[in-house]
Amino acid sequence: MTSTPGSAGPTAAATPPPAEPPVRVRRFSRAERWVHRTTAALMLTCVVTAAALYVPQIAELVGRRHLVVTVHEWAGVLLPVPFLFGLASPAFRADLRRLNRFGPHDRTWLRAVRRRDHRPASRPAGKFNAGQKIYAAWIAGAILVMLGTGLLMGFTDLAPLVWRTGATFVHDWLSLAVGIALAGHIAMALADPEARRGMRTGSVERRWARDHHSRWLKDE
């Protein structure tokens, strides 16, 4: 059977070209991902063990209170350790400087959030947006306060009772606030698969970076 002249042309034209893989941009170094994962594991350990200590229903299921207290205390004491090791990484130190700088574009981002304006052009952001900067500053301060009050609660023979009572009050209520903030952080991460992929693999799609962190992509 012979083909008619020109029959191959339309058939070939109808075949779509193979899709090119999306261009990816490097976002986090291995050291930064290690710091994030280790800190997250220690923080979640603190939250889970705190729930086992303060919620009666969970305490009854878990039991072994002394072991839970020991795990909770060690996880809290070790919380600053990943950060301290991360300071050896130039990429980590560079991102700390980015987190500590709050510019006019961050105020623009916050105004867009208040107006519920989700257009990328209305939410200019560098490598970290204003919400991430505020959260990082708040959680860093909360960790230091939690560590300080936790140590004070443990000095039963050295600290006066009134100090330990005040430390317990601050520690308990701040732990609740930290739990709520962490739940919000996790919920937002679950809603953004590409952001999670960036923390897991170290790179993100260029299109995502253009939509969410345009100033950072321009600098890169």
N, C-alpha and C. Protein backbone atom coordinates (compact mmCIF):
# COMPACT_ATOMS: atom_id res chain seq x y z
N MET A 1 0.86 -1.20 0.00
CA MET A 1 0.00 0.00 0.00
C MET A 1 0.89 1.24 0.00
N THR A 2 0.64 2.16 -0.95
CA THR A 2 1.47 3.35 -1.06
C THR A 2 0.76 4.54 -0.46
N SER A 3 1.54 5.45 0.10
CA SER A 3 0.96 6.64 0.71
C SER A 3 0.80 7.72 -0.33
N THR A 4 -0.19 8.52 -0.20
CA THR A 4 -0.43 9.63 -1.13
C THR A 4 0.54 10.75 -0.82
N PRO A 5 0.94 11.49 -1.84
CA PRO A 5 1.88 12.59 -1.61
C PRO A 5 1.32 13.60 -0.62
N GLY A 6 2.20 14.00 0.26
CA GLY A 6 1.81 15.02 1.24
C GLY A 6 1.12 14.48 2.46
N SER A 7 0.87 13.13 2.52
CA SER A 7 0.16 12.60 3.68
C SER A 7 0.98 12.63 4.95
N ALA A 8 2.29 12.62 4.82
CA ALA A 8 3.14 12.61 6.01
C ALA A 8 3.21 13.98 6.67
N GLY A 9 2.96 15.03 5.86
CA GLY A 9 3.07 16.37 6.42
C GLY A 9 2.11 16.65 7.54
N PRO A 10 0.78 16.49 7.36
CA PRO A 10 -0.17 16.78 8.45
C PRO A 10 0.00 15.87 9.64
N THR A 11 0.37 14.59 9.38
CA THR A 11 0.57 13.67 10.50
C THR A 11 1.72 14.11 11.37
N ALA A 12 2.82 14.51 10.72
CA ALA A 12 3.99 14.95 11.49
C ALA A 12 3.70 16.25 12.23
N ALA A 13 2.91 17.12 11.59
CA ALA A 13 2.63 18.40 12.25
C ALA A 13 1.73 18.23 13.46
N ALA A 14 0.90 17.16 13.45
CA ALA A 14 -0.02 16.96 14.56
C ALA A 14 0.65 16.39 15.79
N THR A 15 1.88 15.89 15.64
CA THR A 15 2.60 15.32 16.78
C THR A 15 3.19 16.43 17.63
N PRO A 16 2.78 16.57 18.87
CA PRO A 16 3.31 17.67 19.71
C PRO A 16 4.77 17.43 20.06
N PRO A 17 5.55 18.49 20.17
CA PRO A 17 6.96 18.32 20.56
C PRO A 17 7.07 17.88 22.00
N PRO A 18 8.14 17.17 22.36
CA PRO A 18 8.30 16.73 23.75
C PRO A 18 8.43 17.91 24.70
N ALA A 19 7.76 17.80 25.85
CA ALA A 19 7.79 18.89 26.83
C ALA A 19 9.16 19.00 27.47
N GLU A 20 9.64 20.22 27.58
CA GLU A 20 10.94 20.46 28.21
C GLU A 20 10.78 20.49 29.72
N PRO A 21 11.75 19.95 30.46
CA PRO A 21 11.66 20.00 31.92
C PRO A 21 11.72 21.43 32.41
N PRO A 22 11.01 21.77 33.50
CA PRO A 22 11.02 23.15 34.01
C PRO A 22 12.40 23.54 34.51
N VAL A 23 12.72 24.80 34.30
CA VAL A 23 14.00 25.33 34.77
C VAL A 23 13.94 25.50 36.28
N ARG A 24 14.96 25.02 36.97
CA ARG A 24 14.98 25.09 38.44
C ARG A 24 16.10 26.03 38.89
N VAL A 25 15.85 26.66 40.03
CA VAL A 25 16.78 27.63 40.60
C VAL A 25 17.21 27.14 41.97
N ARG A 26 18.50 27.25 42.26
CA ARG A 26 19.02 26.84 43.57
C ARG A 26 18.53 27.80 44.64
N ARG A 27 17.93 27.25 45.73
CA ARG A 27 17.36 28.11 46.77
C ARG A 27 18.02 27.90 48.12
N PHE A 28 18.25 26.65 48.54
CA PHE A 28 18.83 26.38 49.86
C PHE A 28 20.00 25.42 49.72
N SER A 29 21.03 25.67 50.50
CA SER A 29 22.18 24.77 50.52
C SER A 29 21.88 23.55 51.38
N ARG A 30 22.77 22.57 51.32
CA ARG A 30 22.59 21.36 52.13
C ARG A 30 22.64 21.69 53.61
N ALA A 31 23.52 22.61 54.00
CA ALA A 31 23.63 22.97 55.42
C ALA A 31 22.34 23.62 55.91
N GLU A 32 21.75 24.49 55.09
CA GLU A 32 20.51 25.14 55.49
C GLU A 32 19.38 24.14 55.64
N ARG A 33 19.30 23.17 54.74
CA ARG A 33 18.25 22.16 54.85
C ARG A 33 18.47 21.29 56.08
N TRP A 34 19.71 21.00 56.41
CA TRP A 34 20.01 20.21 57.60
C TRP A 34 19.59 20.95 58.86
N VAL A 35 19.90 22.25 58.92
CA VAL A 35 19.52 23.06 60.08
C VAL A 35 18.00 23.08 60.24
N HIS A 36 17.29 23.27 59.13
CA HIS A 36 15.83 23.33 59.19
C HIS A 36 15.24 22.01 59.65
N ARG A 37 15.70 20.91 59.09
CA ARG A 37 15.14 19.60 59.45
C ARG A 37 15.44 19.25 60.90
N THR A 38 16.65 19.50 61.34
CA THR A 38 17.02 19.15 62.71
C THR A 38 16.27 20.00 63.72
N THR A 39 16.17 21.30 63.44
CA THR A 39 15.42 22.18 64.32
C THR A 39 13.95 21.79 64.36
N ALA A 40 13.39 21.45 63.20
CA ALA A 40 11.99 21.03 63.15
C ALA A 40 11.76 19.76 63.95
N ALA A 41 12.69 18.80 63.84
CA ALA A 41 12.54 17.55 64.59
C ALA A 41 12.59 17.80 66.10
N LEU A 42 13.52 18.65 66.54
CA LEU A 42 13.62 18.96 67.97
C LEU A 42 12.40 19.73 68.46
N MET A 43 11.92 20.67 67.65
CA MET A 43 10.75 21.46 68.04
C MET A 43 9.51 20.58 68.15
N LEU A 44 9.32 19.70 67.17
CA LEU A 44 8.17 18.80 67.22
C LEU A 44 8.26 17.85 68.41
N THR A 45 9.47 17.42 68.74
CA THR A 45 9.66 16.58 69.93
C THR A 45 9.25 17.33 71.19
N CYS A 46 9.62 18.61 71.27
CA CYS A 46 9.22 19.42 72.42
C CYS A 46 7.71 19.55 72.51
N VAL A 47 7.07 19.80 71.36
CA VAL A 47 5.62 19.99 71.36
C VAL A 47 4.90 18.70 71.74
N VAL A 48 5.32 17.58 71.16
CA VAL A 48 4.66 16.30 71.44
C VAL A 48 4.84 15.90 72.90
N THR A 49 6.06 16.03 73.42
CA THR A 49 6.29 15.65 74.82
C THR A 49 5.59 16.61 75.78
N ALA A 50 5.49 17.89 75.40
CA ALA A 50 4.74 18.84 76.23
C ALA A 50 3.27 18.45 76.29
N ALA A 51 2.73 18.04 75.15
CA ALA A 51 1.33 17.59 75.14
C ALA A 51 1.15 16.36 76.03
N ALA A 52 2.14 15.47 76.01
CA ALA A 52 2.06 14.27 76.85
C ALA A 52 2.19 14.60 78.34
N LEU A 53 2.74 15.76 78.65
CA LEU A 53 2.90 16.15 80.06
C LEU A 53 1.71 16.95 80.58
N TYR A 54 1.06 17.72 79.71
CA TYR A 54 0.05 18.66 80.18
C TYR A 54 -1.38 18.26 79.84
N VAL A 55 -1.58 17.42 78.84
CA VAL A 55 -2.93 16.98 78.48
C VAL A 55 -3.20 15.64 79.16
N PRO A 56 -4.13 15.57 80.11
CA PRO A 56 -4.33 14.34 80.89
C PRO A 56 -4.62 13.11 80.03
N GLN A 57 -5.43 13.27 78.97
CA GLN A 57 -5.78 12.13 78.14
C GLN A 57 -4.55 11.55 77.45
N ILE A 58 -3.69 12.44 76.96
CA ILE A 58 -2.47 11.96 76.29
C ILE A 58 -1.50 11.38 77.31
N ALA A 59 -1.42 12.01 78.49
CA ALA A 59 -0.52 11.52 79.54
C ALA A 59 -0.90 10.10 79.95
N GLU A 60 -2.20 9.80 80.03
CA GLU A 60 -2.63 8.46 80.39
C GLU A 60 -2.25 7.44 79.33
N LEU A 61 -2.33 7.83 78.06
CA LEU A 61 -1.98 6.91 76.99
C LEU A 61 -0.49 6.65 76.93
N VAL A 62 0.31 7.68 77.15
CA VAL A 62 1.77 7.56 77.01
C VAL A 62 2.40 6.94 78.25
N GLY A 63 2.04 7.45 79.44
CA GLY A 63 2.65 6.98 80.67
C GLY A 63 4.13 7.36 80.73
N ARG A 64 4.86 6.70 81.62
CA ARG A 64 6.32 6.89 81.74
C ARG A 64 6.68 8.38 81.77
N ARG A 65 6.10 9.08 82.72
CA ARG A 65 6.26 10.53 82.79
C ARG A 65 7.72 10.94 82.93
N HIS A 66 8.49 10.21 83.73
CA HIS A 66 9.89 10.59 83.93
C HIS A 66 10.65 10.55 82.61
N LEU A 67 10.40 9.54 81.79
CA LEU A 67 11.07 9.45 80.49
C LEU A 67 10.65 10.60 79.58
N VAL A 68 9.35 10.92 79.59
CA VAL A 68 8.85 12.02 78.76
C VAL A 68 9.48 13.34 79.18
N VAL A 69 9.60 13.55 80.49
CA VAL A 69 10.23 14.79 80.99
C VAL A 69 11.69 14.86 80.53
N THR A 70 12.40 13.76 80.60
CA THR A 70 13.81 13.73 80.19
C THR A 70 13.96 14.05 78.71
N VAL A 71 13.13 13.43 77.88
CA VAL A 71 13.18 13.69 76.44
C VAL A 71 12.84 15.14 76.15
N HIS A 72 11.84 15.67 76.83
CA HIS A 72 11.43 17.06 76.63
C HIS A 72 12.56 18.02 77.00
N GLU A 73 13.20 17.77 78.12
CA GLU A 73 14.27 18.67 78.57
C GLU A 73 15.46 18.63 77.62
N TRP A 74 15.86 17.44 77.18
CA TRP A 74 17.02 17.35 76.29
C TRP A 74 16.71 17.95 74.91
N ALA A 75 15.50 17.73 74.41
CA ALA A 75 15.13 18.33 73.13
C ALA A 75 15.16 19.86 73.21
N GLY A 76 14.70 20.40 74.35
CA GLY A 76 14.73 21.85 74.52
C GLY A 76 16.14 22.40 74.63
N VAL A 77 16.99 21.71 75.36
CA VAL A 77 18.38 22.17 75.52
C VAL A 77 19.13 22.13 74.19
N LEU A 78 18.81 21.13 73.36
CA LEU A 78 19.52 20.96 72.08
C LEU A 78 18.97 21.85 70.97
N LEU A 79 17.85 22.53 71.19
CA LEU A 79 17.25 23.33 70.13
C LEU A 79 18.21 24.35 69.49
N PRO A 80 19.03 25.08 70.26
CA PRO A 80 19.92 26.06 69.62
C PRO A 80 21.11 25.43 68.89
N VAL A 81 21.37 24.14 69.11
CA VAL A 81 22.58 23.51 68.56
C VAL A 81 22.62 23.53 67.03
N PRO A 82 21.54 23.15 66.31
CA PRO A 82 21.60 23.21 64.84
C PRO A 82 21.91 24.61 64.33
N PHE A 83 21.33 25.63 64.97
CA PHE A 83 21.60 27.02 64.57
C PHE A 83 23.09 27.34 64.73
N LEU A 84 23.67 26.93 65.85
CA LEU A 84 25.08 27.24 66.10
C LEU A 84 25.98 26.53 65.09
N PHE A 85 25.68 25.28 64.76
CA PHE A 85 26.45 24.59 63.73
C PHE A 85 26.24 25.23 62.36
N GLY A 86 25.01 25.71 62.10
CA GLY A 86 24.72 26.33 60.81
C GLY A 86 25.51 27.60 60.56
N LEU A 87 25.97 28.26 61.62
CA LEU A 87 26.74 29.49 61.46
C LEU A 87 28.06 29.24 60.73
N ALA A 88 28.49 28.00 60.66
CA ALA A 88 29.71 27.68 59.91
C ALA A 88 29.48 27.74 58.40
N SER A 89 28.22 27.79 57.96
CA SER A 89 27.89 27.82 56.53
C SER A 89 27.73 29.25 56.04
N PRO A 90 28.48 29.68 55.01
CA PRO A 90 28.29 31.03 54.46
C PRO A 90 26.88 31.26 53.93
N ALA A 91 26.28 30.23 53.32
CA ALA A 91 24.92 30.38 52.79
C ALA A 91 23.92 30.62 53.92
N PHE A 92 24.10 29.93 55.04
CA PHE A 92 23.21 30.11 56.18
C PHE A 92 23.35 31.51 56.75
N ARG A 93 24.58 31.99 56.88
CA ARG A 93 24.80 33.34 57.41
C ARG A 93 24.22 34.39 56.46
N ALA A 94 24.33 34.16 55.16
CA ALA A 94 23.76 35.11 54.19
C ALA A 94 22.25 35.17 54.32
N ASP A 95 21.61 34.02 54.53
CA ASP A 95 20.15 34.02 54.69
C ASP A 95 19.73 34.66 56.00
N LEU A 96 20.55 34.53 57.04
CA LEU A 96 20.25 35.22 58.29
C LEU A 96 20.24 36.74 58.08
N ARG A 97 21.18 37.23 57.29
CA ARG A 97 21.20 38.67 57.01
C ARG A 97 19.96 39.07 56.23
N ARG A 98 19.53 38.23 55.31
CA ARG A 98 18.31 38.54 54.55
C ARG A 98 17.09 38.58 55.48
N LEU A 99 17.02 37.64 56.41
CA LEU A 99 15.89 37.59 57.33
C LEU A 99 15.86 38.80 58.26
N ASN A 100 17.02 39.37 58.55
CA ASN A 100 17.10 40.49 59.50
C ASN A 100 16.87 41.84 58.84
N ARG A 101 16.71 41.86 57.51
CA ARG A 101 16.52 43.13 56.82
C ARG A 101 15.05 43.27 56.42
N PHE A 102 14.46 44.39 56.83
CA PHE A 102 13.05 44.66 56.53
C PHE A 102 12.99 45.94 55.72
N GLY A 103 12.64 45.81 54.41
CA GLY A 103 12.66 46.96 53.51
C GLY A 103 11.28 47.45 53.12
N PRO A 104 11.22 48.48 52.27
CA PRO A 104 9.93 49.01 51.82
C PRO A 104 9.06 47.97 51.11
N HIS A 105 9.70 47.07 50.35
CA HIS A 105 8.91 46.05 49.65
C HIS A 105 8.22 45.10 50.63
N ASP A 106 8.80 44.93 51.82
CA ASP A 106 8.15 44.09 52.83
C ASP A 106 6.88 44.75 53.36
N ARG A 107 6.91 46.05 53.52
CA ARG A 107 5.70 46.76 53.94
C ARG A 107 4.62 46.69 52.85
N THR A 108 5.06 46.75 51.59
CA THR A 108 4.11 46.59 50.49
C THR A 108 3.48 45.20 50.53
N TRP A 109 4.28 44.19 50.82
CA TRP A 109 3.79 42.81 50.91
C TRP A 109 2.74 42.69 52.02
N LEU A 110 3.02 43.28 53.16
CA LEU A 110 2.07 43.22 54.28
C LEU A 110 0.77 43.94 53.96
N ARG A 111 0.86 45.09 53.28
CA ARG A 111 -0.37 45.80 52.90
C ARG A 111 -1.20 44.96 51.94
N ALA A 112 -0.56 44.25 51.02
CA ALA A 112 -1.28 43.39 50.09
C ALA A 112 -1.96 42.24 50.84
N VAL A 113 -1.31 41.72 51.86
CA VAL A 113 -1.90 40.64 52.66
C VAL A 113 -3.13 41.15 53.38
N ARG A 114 -3.06 42.35 53.95
CA ARG A 114 -4.22 42.91 54.65
C ARG A 114 -5.39 43.15 53.69
N ARG A 115 -5.07 43.50 52.44
CA ARG A 115 -6.13 43.72 51.45
C ARG A 115 -6.58 42.42 50.79
N ARG A 116 -5.94 41.31 51.17
CA ARG A 116 -6.22 40.01 50.54
C ARG A 116 -5.98 40.06 49.04
N ASP A 117 -4.95 40.77 48.65
CA ASP A 117 -4.56 40.88 47.25
C ASP A 117 -3.53 39.80 46.95
N HIS A 118 -3.92 38.80 46.16
CA HIS A 118 -3.04 37.65 45.92
C HIS A 118 -2.26 37.77 44.62
N ARG A 119 -2.32 38.90 43.94
CA ARG A 119 -1.57 39.05 42.69
C ARG A 119 -0.07 39.09 42.99
N PRO A 120 0.75 38.32 42.25
CA PRO A 120 2.19 38.31 42.51
C PRO A 120 2.81 39.71 42.45
N ALA A 121 2.32 40.55 41.52
CA ALA A 121 2.90 41.88 41.40
C ALA A 121 2.64 42.74 42.63
N SER A 122 1.60 42.42 43.38
CA SER A 122 1.26 43.20 44.58
C SER A 122 2.02 42.73 45.81
N ARG A 123 2.70 41.59 45.70
CA ARG A 123 3.42 41.04 46.84
C ARG A 123 4.89 40.85 46.52
N PRO A 124 5.63 41.94 46.33
CA PRO A 124 7.06 41.80 46.03
C PRO A 124 7.81 41.23 47.22
N ALA A 125 8.72 40.32 46.96
CA ALA A 125 9.47 39.70 48.05
C ALA A 125 10.85 39.31 47.56
N GLY A 126 11.80 39.41 48.47
CA GLY A 126 13.13 38.89 48.19
C GLY A 126 13.14 37.39 48.40
N LYS A 127 14.23 36.86 48.87
CA LYS A 127 14.30 35.42 49.10
C LYS A 127 13.29 35.00 50.16
N PHE A 128 13.01 35.89 51.11
CA PHE A 128 12.00 35.63 52.14
C PHE A 128 11.01 36.79 52.14
N ASN A 129 9.73 36.45 52.23
CA ASN A 129 8.74 37.53 52.29
C ASN A 129 8.61 38.04 53.72
N ALA A 130 7.81 39.10 53.88
CA ALA A 130 7.70 39.75 55.19
C ALA A 130 7.13 38.80 56.24
N GLY A 131 6.17 37.96 55.84
CA GLY A 131 5.61 37.00 56.79
C GLY A 131 6.64 36.01 57.30
N GLN A 132 7.49 35.54 56.41
CA GLN A 132 8.54 34.60 56.82
C GLN A 132 9.55 35.28 57.74
N LYS A 133 9.85 36.53 57.48
CA LYS A 133 10.79 37.26 58.34
C LYS A 133 10.22 37.46 59.74
N ILE A 134 8.94 37.83 59.81
CA ILE A 134 8.31 38.02 61.12
C ILE A 134 8.25 36.70 61.88
N TYR A 135 7.88 35.64 61.18
CA TYR A 135 7.79 34.33 61.84
C TYR A 135 9.17 33.89 62.34
N ALA A 136 10.21 34.07 61.54
CA ALA A 136 11.56 33.66 61.94
C ALA A 136 12.01 34.42 63.18
N ALA A 137 11.75 35.73 63.20
CA ALA A 137 12.15 36.53 64.37
C ALA A 137 11.37 36.11 65.60
N TRP A 138 10.08 35.87 65.44
CA TRP A 138 9.25 35.50 66.59
C TRP A 138 9.65 34.13 67.14
N ILE A 139 9.84 33.15 66.27
CA ILE A 139 10.15 31.81 66.75
C ILE A 139 11.54 31.76 67.36
N ALA A 140 12.49 32.56 66.84
CA ALA A 140 13.82 32.60 67.44
C ALA A 140 13.76 33.17 68.85
N GLY A 141 13.00 34.26 69.02
CA GLY A 141 12.85 34.83 70.36
C GLY A 141 12.12 33.88 71.30
N ALA A 142 11.10 33.20 70.77
CA ALA A 142 10.34 32.25 71.61
C ALA A 142 11.23 31.11 72.08
N ILE A 143 12.10 30.61 71.22
CA ILE A 143 13.00 29.52 71.60
C ILE A 143 13.92 29.96 72.74
N LEU A 144 14.44 31.17 72.65
CA LEU A 144 15.34 31.65 73.70
C LEU A 144 14.59 31.80 75.03
N VAL A 145 13.37 32.35 74.97
CA VAL A 145 12.59 32.50 76.21
C VAL A 145 12.22 31.14 76.78
N MET A 146 11.82 30.21 75.92
CA MET A 146 11.46 28.88 76.38
C MET A 146 12.67 28.18 77.01
N LEU A 147 13.83 28.35 76.39
CA LEU A 147 15.04 27.73 76.94
C LEU A 147 15.38 28.35 78.30
N GLY A 148 15.31 29.68 78.39
CA GLY A 148 15.63 30.34 79.65
C GLY A 148 14.67 29.98 80.77
N THR A 149 13.37 30.01 80.48
CA THR A 149 12.39 29.67 81.52
C THR A 149 12.46 28.19 81.89
N GLY A 150 12.75 27.35 80.89
CA GLY A 150 12.87 25.91 81.18
C GLY A 150 14.05 25.62 82.10
N LEU A 151 15.17 26.28 81.84
CA LEU A 151 16.34 26.09 82.72
C LEU A 151 16.04 26.63 84.12
N LEU A 152 15.34 27.76 84.19
CA LEU A 152 15.02 28.32 85.49
C LEU A 152 14.10 27.40 86.28
N MET A 153 13.17 26.76 85.59
CA MET A 153 12.27 25.81 86.26
C MET A 153 13.04 24.60 86.81
N GLY A 154 14.15 24.27 86.16
CA GLY A 154 14.92 23.11 86.61
C GLY A 154 15.83 23.39 87.79
N PHE A 155 16.14 24.66 88.03
CA PHE A 155 17.02 25.00 89.15
C PHE A 155 16.21 25.09 90.44
N THR A 156 15.72 23.97 90.90
CA THR A 156 14.85 23.96 92.07
C THR A 156 15.57 24.38 93.35
N ASP A 157 16.86 24.15 93.41
CA ASP A 157 17.62 24.48 94.63
C ASP A 157 18.27 25.85 94.58
N LEU A 158 18.41 26.42 93.37
CA LEU A 158 19.13 27.68 93.24
C LEU A 158 18.21 28.88 93.04
N ALA A 159 17.12 28.69 92.31
CA ALA A 159 16.21 29.81 92.01
C ALA A 159 15.13 29.92 93.07
N PRO A 160 14.77 31.14 93.48
CA PRO A 160 13.67 31.32 94.44
C PRO A 160 12.36 30.80 93.87
N LEU A 161 11.44 30.47 94.75
CA LEU A 161 10.16 29.92 94.34
C LEU A 161 9.40 30.89 93.44
N VAL A 162 9.45 32.18 93.76
CA VAL A 162 8.69 33.15 92.98
C VAL A 162 9.23 33.21 91.55
N TRP A 163 10.56 33.06 91.38
CA TRP A 163 11.13 33.04 90.03
C TRP A 163 10.64 31.82 89.26
N ARG A 164 10.67 30.65 89.92
CA ARG A 164 10.26 29.42 89.24
C ARG A 164 8.76 29.44 88.91
N THR A 165 7.97 30.07 89.79
CA THR A 165 6.54 30.18 89.51
C THR A 165 6.29 31.06 88.28
N GLY A 166 6.98 32.19 88.22
CA GLY A 166 6.84 33.06 87.05
C GLY A 166 7.34 32.40 85.78
N ALA A 167 8.46 31.68 85.90
CA ALA A 167 9.01 30.99 84.73
C ALA A 167 8.05 29.92 84.22
N THR A 168 7.40 29.22 85.15
CA THR A 168 6.44 28.19 84.76
C THR A 168 5.25 28.80 84.03
N PHE A 169 4.77 29.93 84.52
CA PHE A 169 3.64 30.61 83.88
C PHE A 169 3.99 31.02 82.45
N VAL A 170 5.16 31.67 82.29
CA VAL A 170 5.58 32.12 80.96
C VAL A 170 5.83 30.93 80.04
N HIS A 171 6.49 29.90 80.57
CA HIS A 171 6.83 28.72 79.76
C HIS A 171 5.57 28.02 79.26
N ASP A 172 4.59 27.85 80.11
CA ASP A 172 3.37 27.12 79.73
C ASP A 172 2.58 27.88 78.67
N TRP A 173 2.37 29.18 78.89
CA TRP A 173 1.55 29.92 77.93
C TRP A 173 2.29 30.17 76.62
N LEU A 174 3.59 30.37 76.70
CA LEU A 174 4.37 30.56 75.47
C LEU A 174 4.42 29.27 74.66
N SER A 175 4.46 28.13 75.35
CA SER A 175 4.47 26.85 74.63
C SER A 175 3.18 26.67 73.83
N LEU A 176 2.06 27.14 74.39
CA LEU A 176 0.80 27.07 73.67
C LEU A 176 0.85 27.96 72.43
N ALA A 177 1.40 29.16 72.57
CA ALA A 177 1.52 30.07 71.43
C ALA A 177 2.44 29.49 70.36
N VAL A 178 3.54 28.85 70.80
CA VAL A 178 4.46 28.22 69.84
C VAL A 178 3.76 27.09 69.09
N GLY A 179 2.97 26.30 69.80
CA GLY A 179 2.24 25.21 69.15
C GLY A 179 1.29 25.73 68.08
N ILE A 180 0.59 26.83 68.38
CA ILE A 180 -0.33 27.42 67.40
C ILE A 180 0.44 27.96 66.19
N ALA A 181 1.57 28.65 66.46
CA ALA A 181 2.37 29.19 65.36
C ALA A 181 2.93 28.07 64.49
N LEU A 182 3.38 26.99 65.10
CA LEU A 182 3.90 25.87 64.33
C LEU A 182 2.81 25.23 63.47
N ALA A 183 1.61 25.12 64.03
CA ALA A 183 0.50 24.56 63.26
C ALA A 183 0.21 25.42 62.03
N GLY A 184 0.25 26.74 62.19
CA GLY A 184 0.06 27.63 61.05
C GLY A 184 1.17 27.50 60.04
N HIS A 185 2.41 27.39 60.52
CA HIS A 185 3.57 27.23 59.64
C HIS A 185 3.45 25.95 58.82
N ILE A 186 3.07 24.86 59.46
CA ILE A 186 2.93 23.58 58.77
C ILE A 186 1.79 23.63 57.76
N ALA A 187 0.67 24.28 58.14
CA ALA A 187 -0.47 24.39 57.23
C ALA A 187 -0.10 25.16 55.97
N MET A 188 0.66 26.23 56.12
CA MET A 188 1.06 27.00 54.95
C MET A 188 2.04 26.22 54.09
N ALA A 189 2.91 25.44 54.71
CA ALA A 189 3.84 24.61 53.95
C ALA A 189 3.10 23.54 53.17
N LEU A 190 2.08 22.94 53.78
CA LEU A 190 1.30 21.92 53.09
C LEU A 190 0.54 22.50 51.90
N ALA A 191 0.20 23.78 51.98
CA ALA A 191 -0.54 24.42 50.89
C ALA A 191 0.36 24.84 49.73
N ASP A 192 1.67 24.71 49.89
CA ASP A 192 2.60 25.15 48.84
C ASP A 192 3.61 24.03 48.56
N PRO A 193 3.27 23.10 47.66
CA PRO A 193 4.17 21.95 47.40
C PRO A 193 5.54 22.37 46.89
N GLU A 194 5.62 23.43 46.10
CA GLU A 194 6.91 23.83 45.54
C GLU A 194 7.82 24.39 46.62
N ALA A 195 7.25 25.09 47.60
CA ALA A 195 8.06 25.58 48.72
C ALA A 195 8.63 24.40 49.51
N ARG A 196 7.81 23.37 49.72
CA ARG A 196 8.30 22.17 50.42
C ARG A 196 9.38 21.48 49.60
N ARG A 197 9.19 21.43 48.30
CA ARG A 197 10.20 20.80 47.44
C ARG A 197 11.52 21.56 47.51
N GLY A 198 11.43 22.88 47.61
CA GLY A 198 12.64 23.69 47.71
C GLY A 198 13.41 23.39 48.98
N MET A 199 12.69 23.18 50.10
CA MET A 199 13.37 22.85 51.34
C MET A 199 13.86 21.40 51.33
N ARG A 200 13.18 20.53 50.59
CA ARG A 200 13.58 19.13 50.56
C ARG A 200 14.75 18.88 49.61
N THR A 201 14.74 19.52 48.44
CA THR A 201 15.75 19.25 47.43
C THR A 201 16.77 20.38 47.29
N GLY A 202 16.41 21.57 47.74
CA GLY A 202 17.33 22.70 47.63
C GLY A 202 17.06 23.59 46.43
N SER A 203 16.17 23.21 45.50
CA SER A 203 15.89 24.02 44.32
C SER A 203 14.39 24.13 44.09
N VAL A 204 13.99 25.19 43.37
CA VAL A 204 12.58 25.43 43.06
C VAL A 204 12.46 25.76 41.58
N GLU A 205 11.24 25.65 41.06
CA GLU A 205 10.99 26.04 39.68
C GLU A 205 11.15 27.55 39.52
N ARG A 206 11.72 27.94 38.39
CA ARG A 206 11.93 29.36 38.13
C ARG A 206 10.60 30.11 38.08
N ARG A 207 9.56 29.48 37.54
CA ARG A 207 8.25 30.11 37.48
C ARG A 207 7.72 30.41 38.87
N TRP A 208 7.87 29.47 39.82
CA TRP A 208 7.43 29.68 41.19
C TRP A 208 8.21 30.82 41.84
N ALA A 209 9.52 30.84 41.61
CA ALA A 209 10.35 31.92 42.17
C ALA A 209 9.93 33.27 41.60
N ARG A 210 9.58 33.32 40.32
CA ARG A 210 9.15 34.58 39.71
C ARG A 210 7.83 35.07 40.31
N ASP A 211 6.93 34.13 40.62
CA ASP A 211 5.61 34.51 41.15
C ASP A 211 5.65 34.89 42.63
N HIS A 212 6.54 34.25 43.40
CA HIS A 212 6.51 34.42 44.86
C HIS A 212 7.71 35.21 45.42
N HIS A 213 8.83 35.20 44.71
CA HIS A 213 10.04 35.87 45.22
C HIS A 213 10.77 36.55 44.06
N SER A 214 10.06 37.46 43.42
CA SER A 214 10.57 38.07 42.19
C SER A 214 11.86 38.85 42.41
N ARG A 215 11.96 39.56 43.53
CA ARG A 215 13.17 40.36 43.79
C ARG A 215 14.38 39.46 43.98
N TRP A 216 14.19 38.35 44.65
CA TRP A 216 15.30 37.40 44.83
C TRP A 216 15.72 36.82 43.49
N LEU A 217 14.75 36.44 42.65
CA LEU A 217 15.09 35.87 41.35
C LEU A 217 15.84 36.89 40.49
N LYS A 218 15.44 38.16 40.57
CA LYS A 218 16.13 39.19 39.81
C LYS A 218 17.57 39.34 40.29
N ASP A 219 17.77 39.28 41.60
CA ASP A 219 19.13 39.40 42.15
C ASP A 219 19.99 38.20 41.76
N GLU A 220 19.35 37.02 41.75
CA GLU A 220 20.09 35.82 41.40
C GLU A 220 20.50 35.84 39.92
